[in-house]
Amino acid sequence: MKALCAVDGSKFSMRAVEALGTLFQQSLREVILVHVIDTGLLELGLKKEGIATGKTKKILTTLKAEGKKVLKDSEAYATKVLNQKPGEALVKIRSVLVKGHAAYSLVKEAEKRNPHLMVLGSRGFHDMKGYFMGSVSRKVLGHAPCPVCIVKDPIQTPVQVVLAVDGSNASTRAATYLKSWISPDVVSVHVLSVIPEASRGLGSSLRAKPYTKALTDAFQKQAQETTANVRSLFLKRKFKVTSEVVPGNPRTAILDSLVNREAGLAVLGAKGLTGPERFQMGSVSEWVAAYSGCSILVVRPQRR
């Protein structure tokens, strides 16, 4: 697996580096460490301080020097975290310095280098402003050409993972990536399926009740079959697995499960909604990423 990891020298980005070793050690073959000189923040700072734009070149030179140091330190830390030994490097580590707006630059770099996974540390915006305005990690999550892992806290083993499934291609893809990327020695998996509210759109009249019950029964059956199938796949790979089917709103049900299970990682598949459909329906994975207290792996369709 090839992973692209954003670094900025903060403890948050170091947690992302640590997560590579904790979660993905068994499958990792190449790591690309990317540091972005955020020109958007630079321009805002210059304007705020009333600094002439003619001094930008000198400031950029200083930022480039600092960026190179961040990359050098991050590469040394990644080498340590991944247990690399002189002459026995199993994981290739490379560093890239780019200039531009942070989220946009990271997405463009991923499109250029085609990694299997992007990993970012998050400062955590657990409020309405953070959800609607968006942090860098959330913007990357919405536009990345590949799966994205957002690391919020240090990940300690063994890791309790909540895998949300719904029988869609997206959740099947998420389950497949999880069992192939992460060792069963590192995690235990709780497979969660949420039965949606069948009455939504049908009303509450007596005439609607038979249809509501029929839909609920169908959803229940599908959810049970889905969790049983996914659980079986993980058991074959020697994972510790539990499963659960619950009714309710997927967003809140997943968040509740993460809290109840004291999860260290949530894993969801993203259906890749775009345009008006994405705006109207929203994204469960983006919502969980914004409001969960734990790290999250969102398996997006990989663009080629």
Foldseek 3Di string as FASTA:
>chain_A
DEEEQEFDLDPQSLLLLLCCLQFFLVPAAEYEYEYEPEVVVVVVVCVVVVHDCVCVVVVVVVVVVVRVVRQVVSQVSSCVSSVPDVPRDRHHYHYDYYYYHQLVVVQVVCVVPVGQEYEYGDCAQQDPCCLVVHDSLLSNCLRHQWKYKYFYDRADFLFEEEQEDQPDPQSVVLLVCNLVRGALRRYAYEYEYEQEQLCVPVDDDPVSVVVRVVSSVVSVVSRVVVQVVSQVVVVVRVHHYHYDYYYDDLLVVQLVVCVVVVGQEYTGGWPNDDDPVCVVVPTSQSSCCNNHNHMYIYGYNRDD
